């Protein structure tokens, strides 16, 4: 068949698409979120995966841009509504705890708020806990499918021949 595709080509296409979405969104205005919502999302994702000495964090990997682009093209309106409601829940909780919206709170208060949202991650009940679970999942997916997540964080070298395979003896 002239349109057959093998497994390696499919993986290559999928990886290319995953890397292309953040690159297309870099430097552009948000496609779905307002600038204030986008800034908040960017900060939330950076708190979840912060930069360290080993690799850039979520901000460096353009995680917020990836999530924004994905939501701009989301088929279901409910998904977009849930994200907007989730960010509003975070702001409301921040006002309740800190007396300020999330982005106006001190950095240590932002981290404490995200820590509170994560406390029942395995069995979320409160709206902020439910939103945190989706936020963390989307952040991890976007980060670990980015060039930074794949090559810097996980140190993936590509298809290379192993000179030695520890744990297996050839007789």
Protein backbone atom coordinates (compact mmCIF):
# COMPACT_ATOMS: atom_id res chain seq x y z
CA UNK A 1 0.00 0.00 0.00
CA UNK A 2 1.40 3.43 -0.86
CA UNK A 3 0.16 4.97 2.42
CA UNK A 4 1.61 2.46 4.86
CA UNK A 5 3.55 3.90 7.73
CA UNK A 6 5.91 1.97 9.94
CA UNK A 7 6.21 2.24 13.72
CA UNK A 8 9.36 4.40 13.64
CA UNK A 9 7.79 6.88 11.24
CA UNK A 10 4.72 7.09 13.47
CA UNK A 11 6.86 7.75 16.56
CA UNK A 12 8.90 10.35 14.66
CA UNK A 13 5.73 12.13 13.51
CA UNK A 14 4.26 12.06 17.02
CA UNK A 15 7.43 13.37 18.64
CA UNK A 16 7.73 16.10 16.04
CA UNK A 17 4.17 17.22 16.64
CA UNK A 18 4.70 17.27 20.41
CA UNK A 19 7.79 19.42 20.02
CA UNK A 20 6.22 21.72 17.43
CA UNK A 21 3.24 22.95 19.45
CA UNK A 22 5.26 24.84 22.09
CA UNK A 23 7.62 26.19 19.45
CA UNK A 24 4.73 27.63 17.45
CA UNK A 25 3.31 29.32 20.54
CA UNK A 26 6.59 30.82 21.76
CA UNK A 27 6.54 34.60 21.84
CA UNK A 28 2.96 34.82 20.56
CA UNK A 29 0.00 36.19 22.44
CA UNK A 30 -2.00 33.50 24.21
CA UNK A 31 -4.40 31.71 21.90
CA UNK A 32 -7.01 30.82 24.53
CA UNK A 33 -6.18 32.38 27.89
CA UNK A 34 -6.21 36.09 28.63
CA UNK A 35 -2.72 37.52 29.30
CA UNK A 36 -3.46 37.54 33.07
CA UNK A 37 -4.68 33.92 33.01
CA UNK A 38 -1.67 32.89 30.94
CA UNK A 39 0.75 34.54 33.39
CA UNK A 40 -0.97 32.73 36.25
CA UNK A 41 -0.82 29.39 34.43
CA UNK A 42 2.85 29.97 33.65
CA UNK A 43 3.57 30.59 37.35
CA UNK A 44 1.55 27.57 38.49
CA UNK A 45 3.35 25.23 36.09
CA UNK A 46 6.75 26.62 37.15
CA UNK A 47 5.90 25.91 40.79
CA UNK A 48 5.08 22.31 39.84
CA UNK A 49 8.27 21.82 37.77
CA UNK A 50 10.75 24.53 38.79
CA UNK A 51 14.05 25.22 37.08
CA UNK A 52 17.08 23.75 38.80
CA UNK A 53 20.78 23.24 38.11
CA UNK A 54 20.02 20.22 35.91
CA UNK A 55 17.44 21.68 33.52
CA UNK A 56 15.02 24.54 32.94
CA UNK A 57 11.61 24.22 34.49
CA UNK A 58 8.13 24.38 33.04
CA UNK A 59 8.58 28.01 32.03
CA UNK A 60 11.71 27.20 30.03
CA UNK A 61 9.90 24.32 28.32
CA UNK A 62 6.97 26.63 27.46
CA UNK A 63 4.47 24.39 29.23
CA UNK A 64 1.88 27.17 29.57
CA UNK A 65 2.09 27.85 25.82
CA UNK A 66 1.53 24.16 25.12
CA UNK A 67 -1.54 23.99 27.39
CA UNK A 68 -2.85 27.24 25.92
CA UNK A 69 -2.49 25.98 22.34
CA UNK A 70 -4.11 22.64 23.22
CA UNK A 71 -7.10 24.35 24.83
CA UNK A 72 -7.46 26.78 21.92
CA UNK A 73 -8.03 23.75 19.70
CA UNK A 74 -10.03 21.69 22.21
CA UNK A 75 -13.11 20.11 20.73
CA UNK A 76 -15.21 20.27 23.89
CA UNK A 77 -16.15 23.66 25.33
CA UNK A 78 -16.44 22.04 28.77
CA UNK A 79 -12.67 21.45 28.87
CA UNK A 80 -11.97 25.14 28.26
CA UNK A 81 -14.60 26.17 30.80
CA UNK A 82 -13.08 23.84 33.42
CA UNK A 83 -9.65 25.47 33.03
CA UNK A 84 -11.05 28.98 33.37
CA UNK A 85 -13.07 27.92 36.43
CA UNK A 86 -9.98 26.23 37.87
CA UNK A 87 -7.89 29.38 37.61
CA UNK A 88 -10.72 31.35 39.21
CA UNK A 89 -10.84 28.83 42.08
CA UNK A 90 -7.10 29.35 42.63
CA UNK A 91 -7.56 33.14 42.72
CA UNK A 92 -10.52 32.83 45.09
CA UNK A 93 -8.57 30.55 47.43
CA UNK A 94 -5.59 32.89 47.33
CA UNK A 95 -7.84 35.84 48.27
CA UNK A 96 -9.29 33.80 51.13
CA UNK A 97 -5.90 32.72 52.49
CA UNK A 98 -3.59 35.59 51.53
CA UNK A 99 -5.97 38.50 50.99
CA UNK A 100 -4.65 38.85 47.43
CA UNK A 101 -5.15 37.16 44.08
CA UNK A 102 -2.56 34.51 43.24
CA UNK A 103 -0.23 36.64 41.11
CA UNK A 104 -0.18 39.44 43.71
CA UNK A 105 0.71 37.08 46.56
CA UNK A 106 4.31 36.66 47.70
CA UNK A 107 6.22 33.78 46.07
CA UNK A 108 6.26 31.75 49.30
CA UNK A 109 2.47 32.19 49.62
CA UNK A 110 2.00 30.97 46.04
CA UNK A 111 4.00 27.83 46.79
CA UNK A 112 2.05 27.26 50.03
CA UNK A 113 -1.21 27.59 48.11
CA UNK A 114 -0.17 25.03 45.49
CA UNK A 115 1.00 22.73 48.29
CA UNK A 116 -2.43 23.03 49.90
CA UNK A 117 -4.14 22.29 46.58
CA UNK A 118 -2.02 19.12 46.26
CA UNK A 119 -2.76 17.70 49.70
CA UNK A 120 -5.46 15.25 48.51
CA UNK A 121 -4.03 14.59 45.08
CA UNK A 122 -4.89 10.90 45.10
CA UNK A 123 -8.50 11.47 46.21
CA UNK A 124 -9.40 15.08 45.37
CA UNK A 125 -12.70 16.39 46.64
CA UNK A 126 -12.50 20.18 46.85
CA UNK A 127 -12.62 22.14 43.56
CA UNK A 128 -9.01 23.35 43.99
CA UNK A 129 -7.83 19.76 44.54
CA UNK A 130 -9.64 18.54 41.43
CA UNK A 131 -8.15 21.38 39.40
CA UNK A 132 -4.67 20.71 40.79
CA UNK A 133 -4.81 17.11 39.62
CA UNK A 134 -5.58 18.22 36.03
CA UNK A 135 -3.01 21.02 36.21
CA UNK A 136 -0.26 18.67 37.39
CA UNK A 137 -1.13 16.02 34.80
CA UNK A 138 -1.12 18.57 31.96
CA UNK A 139 2.09 20.17 33.23
CA UNK A 140 3.93 16.84 33.39
CA UNK A 141 2.66 15.79 29.96
CA UNK A 142 3.68 19.07 28.34
CA UNK A 143 7.08 19.16 30.05
CA UNK A 144 8.08 15.58 29.35
CA UNK A 145 7.09 15.80 25.69
CA UNK A 146 9.10 19.01 25.20
CA UNK A 147 12.66 19.13 23.95
CA UNK A 148 13.83 20.31 27.36
CA UNK A 149 12.00 17.55 29.21
CA UNK A 150 13.13 14.82 26.86
CA UNK A 151 16.74 15.80 26.22
CA UNK A 152 17.82 17.85 29.23
CA UNK A 153 15.76 16.46 32.10
CA UNK A 154 15.61 12.80 31.05
CA UNK A 155 18.90 13.00 29.11
CA UNK A 156 17.49 10.99 26.22
CA UNK A 157 20.24 10.43 23.67
CA UNK A 158 18.16 8.93 20.89
CA UNK A 159 18.72 5.59 19.25
CA UNK A 160 22.32 4.83 20.13
CA UNK A 161 24.12 1.54 20.41
CA UNK A 162 24.93 0.51 23.95
CA UNK A 163 28.56 -0.49 24.25
CA UNK A 164 27.75 -2.53 27.31
CA UNK A 165 24.47 -3.79 28.66
CA UNK A 166 24.93 -4.16 32.41
CA UNK A 167 23.35 -7.28 33.86
CA UNK A 168 23.60 -9.52 30.83
CA UNK A 169 26.52 -11.79 30.06
CA UNK A 170 27.21 -13.03 26.56
CA UNK A 171 28.56 -16.59 26.49
